[in-house]
Amino acid sequence: MRKILSVVGTRPNLMKTAPVLAALERRGIDQLLVHTGQHYDAAMSQVFFDELGIRPPDHFLEVGSGTHAEQTARVMERLEPVLVAEQPELVLVPGDVNSTMASALVAAKLDIPVGHIEAGLRSFDRSMPEELNRVVTDAVAEVLLIHSPEAKDNLLREGRPEESIHYVGNTMIDTLVAMRGRFVPSAHENHVVVTLHRPALVDGPLLAQVMAQLARLAQQMTVVFPVHPRTRARIASASSGVSTSAGRCRVTSR
């Protein structure tokens, strides 16, 4: 292929896409990077470009926050002219966020092949926006890049052709391995790192239960809790019964 265009929109997208961008560059493939701006503040976006060594995007769509419909519509509206102008031979989309589904739909409607990184994952809970994004993206993608056997089973069950499914492994692990030299292990203390942000977990009564369990765990080891902005807001609005201070819980703002 002469030109591949990758679309990212959120911090997990960046971690999944970084090793793919590096691998394509090593192979001398012409590539473009589009950042939709679904995550846009420094702690949720720029810091990952800096720490993962990702070059600045060729196009920044600045879609920002909004409802699911608003985000999806803005991505589609702003990405379409980019794809028309750039004419890539493949559009790569990672994960399961609104930017993923919106970009896949735009490319498919322009008859540009779509590759889905982390295809085939299913929670079988259609109340999760991410589940809808996964199903729709996999339905229009021509290249399905999976990292688990059950992902293949899910795709075959949904009628996707086996020749479109490619087992490539988990690119998040590639990012973890690439960052290993920057870890500072402690010889005297165990740690656990926790992130919470899915609406199904943080927008209801489960959040208080999870925080209580983390407080108990913090009595045994240090809990490092980089708090997603969404989760921080939910904790602040549900102050009764939710605590981040029990035991040894190191809370950071990212």
Protein backbone atom coordinates (compact mmCIF):
# COMPACT_ATOMS: atom_id res chain seq x y z
CA MET A 1 0.00 0.00 0.00
CA ARG A 2 1.18 3.50 -0.84
CA LYS A 3 -0.81 5.48 1.74
CA ILE A 4 -2.49 4.54 5.03
CA LEU A 5 -4.47 7.00 7.14
CA SER A 6 -4.87 6.34 10.87
CA VAL A 7 -7.55 8.01 12.95
CA VAL A 8 -7.25 8.53 16.72
CA GLY A 9 -9.60 10.35 19.04
CA THR A 10 -8.99 9.35 22.66
CA ARG A 11 -6.13 8.36 24.93
CA PRO A 12 -6.69 4.56 24.51
CA ASN A 13 -6.60 5.11 20.74
CA LEU A 14 -3.16 6.68 21.05
CA MET A 15 -1.77 3.76 23.05
CA LYS A 16 -3.19 1.24 20.58
CA THR A 17 -2.04 3.13 17.48
CA ALA A 18 1.47 4.26 18.51
CA PRO A 19 3.20 0.91 17.80
CA VAL A 20 1.31 0.55 14.51
CA LEU A 21 2.50 3.98 13.35
CA ALA A 22 6.07 3.06 14.29
CA ALA A 23 5.87 -0.28 12.46
CA LEU A 24 4.51 1.33 9.29
CA GLU A 25 7.23 3.97 9.41
CA ARG A 26 9.92 1.29 9.68
CA ARG A 27 8.49 -0.29 6.54
CA GLY A 28 8.61 2.98 4.66
CA ILE A 29 4.85 3.20 4.13
CA ASP A 30 3.43 6.66 3.50
CA GLN A 31 1.01 7.42 6.29
CA LEU A 32 -1.17 10.20 7.64
CA LEU A 33 -2.46 10.72 11.17
CA VAL A 34 -5.82 12.33 11.94
CA HIS A 35 -6.75 13.31 15.50
CA THR A 36 -10.47 13.93 15.87
CA GLY A 37 -10.06 15.79 19.16
CA GLN A 38 -12.63 13.70 21.03
CA HIS A 39 -10.13 13.92 23.89
CA TYR A 40 -8.52 17.32 23.69
CA ASP A 41 -7.04 18.60 26.96
CA ALA A 42 -3.34 18.15 27.74
CA ALA A 43 -3.82 15.40 30.33
CA MET A 44 -6.00 13.31 28.01
CA SER A 45 -4.27 13.95 24.70
CA GLN A 46 -1.00 15.88 24.32
CA VAL A 47 0.78 14.10 27.15
CA PHE A 48 0.38 10.80 25.27
CA PHE A 49 1.81 12.26 22.06
CA ASP A 50 4.80 13.44 24.09
CA GLU A 51 5.39 10.33 26.20
CA LEU A 52 4.75 7.80 23.42
CA GLY A 53 6.82 9.73 20.86
CA ILE A 54 3.95 10.16 18.39
CA ARG A 55 4.46 12.87 15.80
CA PRO A 56 1.92 15.69 15.59
CA PRO A 57 -1.21 14.79 13.62
CA ASP A 58 -1.49 15.87 9.99
CA HIS A 59 -5.12 16.86 10.60
CA PHE A 60 -6.82 17.90 13.86
CA LEU A 61 -10.61 17.93 13.63
CA GLU A 62 -11.37 19.61 16.99
CA VAL A 63 -14.69 17.83 17.53
CA GLY A 64 -14.57 18.30 21.31
CA SER A 65 -17.22 17.17 23.78
CA GLY A 66 -20.93 16.66 23.22
CA THR A 67 -23.59 13.98 23.09
CA HIS A 68 -22.88 10.75 21.26
CA ALA A 69 -24.82 12.04 18.25
CA GLU A 70 -23.04 15.41 18.27
CA GLN A 71 -19.56 13.87 18.46
CA THR A 72 -20.32 11.27 15.81
CA ALA A 73 -21.83 13.84 13.45
CA ARG A 74 -18.92 16.28 13.82
CA VAL A 75 -16.34 13.55 13.15
CA MET A 76 -18.19 12.44 10.02
CA GLU A 77 -18.67 15.97 8.74
CA ARG A 78 -15.05 17.02 9.31
CA LEU A 79 -13.31 13.79 8.29
CA GLU A 80 -15.05 13.37 4.94
CA PRO A 81 -13.25 16.26 3.17
CA VAL A 82 -9.93 15.03 4.57
CA LEU A 83 -10.43 11.57 3.08
CA VAL A 84 -11.61 13.02 -0.22
CA ALA A 85 -8.49 15.20 -0.43
CA GLU A 86 -5.96 12.61 0.81
CA GLN A 87 -7.35 9.51 -0.95
CA PRO A 88 -5.74 6.88 1.33
CA GLU A 89 -5.83 3.23 0.32
CA LEU A 90 -6.73 2.13 3.86
CA VAL A 91 -8.20 3.87 6.91
CA LEU A 92 -7.11 2.35 10.23
CA VAL A 93 -9.35 2.88 13.27
CA PRO A 94 -8.65 1.51 16.76
CA GLY A 95 -10.89 0.53 19.63
CA ASP A 96 -14.53 1.36 20.24
CA VAL A 97 -15.08 5.09 20.79
CA ASN A 98 -17.36 7.40 18.82
CA SER A 99 -14.45 8.53 16.64
CA THR A 100 -13.82 4.90 15.68
CA MET A 101 -17.33 4.21 14.44
CA ALA A 102 -17.78 7.62 12.79
CA SER A 103 -14.50 7.34 10.88
CA ALA A 104 -15.29 3.80 9.74
CA LEU A 105 -18.67 4.89 8.40
CA VAL A 106 -17.23 7.85 6.49
CA ALA A 107 -14.50 5.73 4.89
CA ALA A 108 -16.92 2.93 3.98
CA LYS A 109 -19.32 5.37 2.33
CA LEU A 110 -16.41 6.71 0.27
CA ASP A 111 -15.51 3.14 -0.72
CA ILE A 112 -12.18 3.31 1.14
CA PRO A 113 -11.26 0.04 2.89
CA VAL A 114 -11.36 0.16 6.69
CA GLY A 115 -9.05 -1.71 9.05
CA HIS A 116 -10.23 -2.14 12.64
CA ILE A 117 -7.57 -2.55 15.33
CA GLU A 118 -8.99 -4.59 18.26
CA ALA A 119 -11.86 -6.01 16.23
CA GLY A 120 -14.27 -8.63 17.52
CA LEU A 121 -14.44 -7.70 21.19
CA ARG A 122 -17.95 -7.99 22.63
CA SER A 123 -19.58 -7.37 25.99
CA PHE A 124 -23.00 -8.46 24.60
CA ASP A 125 -24.49 -5.44 26.38
CA ARG A 126 -26.10 -3.15 23.80
CA SER A 127 -26.74 -0.52 26.50
CA MET A 128 -23.01 0.30 26.32
CA PRO A 129 -22.25 2.90 23.61
CA GLU A 130 -18.90 1.20 23.07
CA GLU A 131 -20.61 -2.07 22.18
CA LEU A 132 -22.65 -0.39 19.45
CA ASN A 133 -19.49 1.26 18.13
CA ARG A 134 -17.71 -2.12 17.98
CA VAL A 135 -20.53 -3.89 16.17
CA VAL A 136 -21.02 -1.16 13.57
CA THR A 137 -17.29 -0.73 12.93
CA ASP A 138 -16.77 -4.47 12.44
CA ALA A 139 -19.77 -4.62 10.10
CA VAL A 140 -18.17 -2.18 7.64
CA ALA A 141 -14.47 -3.01 8.10
CA GLU A 142 -12.71 -5.09 5.45
CA VAL A 143 -9.60 -5.78 7.56
CA LEU A 144 -10.39 -7.14 11.03
CA LEU A 145 -7.32 -7.13 13.29
CA ILE A 146 -7.90 -9.25 16.39
CA HIS A 147 -5.93 -10.17 19.50
CA SER A 148 -7.92 -13.05 21.01
CA PRO A 149 -9.50 -16.32 19.81
CA GLU A 150 -12.94 -15.34 21.08
CA ALA A 151 -12.81 -12.21 18.93
CA LYS A 152 -12.59 -14.44 15.85
CA ASP A 153 -15.51 -16.52 17.10
CA ASN A 154 -17.61 -13.39 17.60
CA LEU A 155 -16.86 -12.09 14.11
CA LEU A 156 -17.59 -15.41 12.42
CA ARG A 157 -20.85 -15.66 14.34
CA GLU A 158 -21.80 -12.24 12.96
CA GLY A 159 -21.12 -13.38 9.41
CA ARG A 160 -17.79 -11.71 8.79
CA PRO A 161 -15.60 -13.59 6.27
CA GLU A 162 -12.76 -15.57 7.77
CA GLU A 163 -10.27 -14.26 5.19
CA SER A 164 -10.82 -10.74 6.54
CA ILE A 165 -9.81 -11.72 10.09
CA HIS A 166 -6.13 -11.43 11.04
CA TYR A 167 -4.66 -12.38 14.40
CA VAL A 168 -2.08 -9.66 15.16
CA GLY A 169 -1.91 -9.54 18.95
CA ASN A 170 -2.65 -6.71 21.38
CA THR A 171 -0.94 -3.48 20.33
CA MET A 172 -1.42 -2.11 23.86
CA ILE A 173 1.13 -4.70 24.97
CA ASP A 174 3.57 -3.34 22.38
CA THR A 175 3.18 0.08 23.99
CA LEU A 176 3.65 -1.43 27.46
CA VAL A 177 6.87 -3.16 26.36
CA ALA A 178 8.14 0.03 24.69
CA MET A 179 7.61 1.95 27.95
CA ARG A 180 9.10 -0.72 30.21
CA GLY A 181 12.44 1.09 30.56
CA ARG A 182 10.68 4.06 32.16
CA PHE A 183 9.13 2.04 34.98
CA VAL A 184 10.59 2.56 38.45
CA PRO A 185 10.06 -0.72 40.32
CA SER A 186 10.09 -0.79 44.10
CA ALA A 187 11.84 -3.61 45.92
CA HIS A 188 9.82 -3.03 49.07
CA GLU A 189 6.26 -2.35 48.03
CA ASN A 190 3.61 -3.81 45.74
CA HIS A 191 1.47 -1.51 43.66
CA VAL A 192 -1.75 -1.77 41.71
CA VAL A 193 -2.77 0.76 39.06
CA VAL A 194 -6.49 1.37 38.60
CA THR A 195 -8.41 3.32 35.96
CA LEU A 196 -12.19 3.72 35.91
CA HIS A 197 -14.17 5.53 33.23
CA ARG A 198 -16.81 3.38 31.54
CA PRO A 199 -20.28 4.94 32.02
CA ALA A 200 -21.76 1.61 33.05
CA LEU A 201 -19.33 1.53 35.98
CA VAL A 202 -18.97 5.14 37.10
CA ASP A 203 -22.41 6.63 36.39
CA GLY A 204 -24.37 4.58 38.91
CA PRO A 205 -24.28 2.79 42.26
CA LEU A 206 -21.41 0.51 41.23
CA LEU A 207 -18.94 3.37 41.69
CA ALA A 208 -19.43 3.51 45.47
CA GLN A 209 -18.98 -0.26 45.68
CA VAL A 210 -15.79 -0.18 43.63
CA MET A 211 -14.33 2.68 45.66
CA ALA A 212 -15.07 0.82 48.89
CA GLN A 213 -13.24 -2.25 47.57
CA LEU A 214 -10.30 -0.10 46.47
CA ALA A 215 -10.15 1.39 49.98
CA ARG A 216 -9.88 -2.12 51.41
CA LEU A 217 -7.21 -3.05 48.86
CA ALA A 218 -5.27 0.09 49.79
CA GLN A 219 -4.81 -1.38 53.27
CA GLN A 220 -2.68 -4.10 51.71
CA MET A 221 -0.79 -2.30 48.96
CA THR A 222 -0.43 1.09 47.31
CA VAL A 223 -3.26 1.85 44.89
CA VAL A 224 -2.27 4.31 42.16
CA PHE A 225 -5.47 5.81 40.79
CA PRO A 226 -5.12 8.13 37.75
CA VAL A 227 -8.61 9.60 37.84
CA HIS A 228 -10.39 10.13 34.54
CA PRO A 229 -12.15 13.54 34.44
CA ARG A 230 -15.52 11.81 34.09
CA THR A 231 -14.85 9.65 37.14
CA ARG A 232 -13.58 12.60 39.19
CA ALA A 233 -16.80 14.47 38.48
CA ARG A 234 -18.91 11.47 39.52
CA ILE A 235 -16.94 11.03 42.74
CA ALA A 236 -17.36 14.73 43.53
CA SER A 237 -21.12 14.57 42.93
CA ALA A 238 -21.55 11.42 45.04
CA SER A 239 -19.44 12.42 48.01
CA SER A 240 -21.47 10.41 50.52
CA GLY A 241 -20.23 6.85 50.69
CA VAL A 242 -17.36 7.36 48.24
CA SER A 243 -13.82 7.88 49.45
CA THR A 244 -10.41 7.91 47.77
CA SER A 245 -8.40 8.55 50.91
CA ALA A 246 -8.52 5.30 52.86
CA GLY A 247 -5.31 3.35 53.15
CA ARG A 248 -2.50 4.16 50.74
CA CYS A 249 -4.31 5.44 47.68
CA ARG A 250 -2.29 7.80 45.53
CA VAL A 251 -4.72 9.83 43.44
CA THR A 252 -3.51 11.65 40.32
CA SER A 253 -5.42 13.97 38.04
CA ARG A 254 -4.98 12.26 34.67
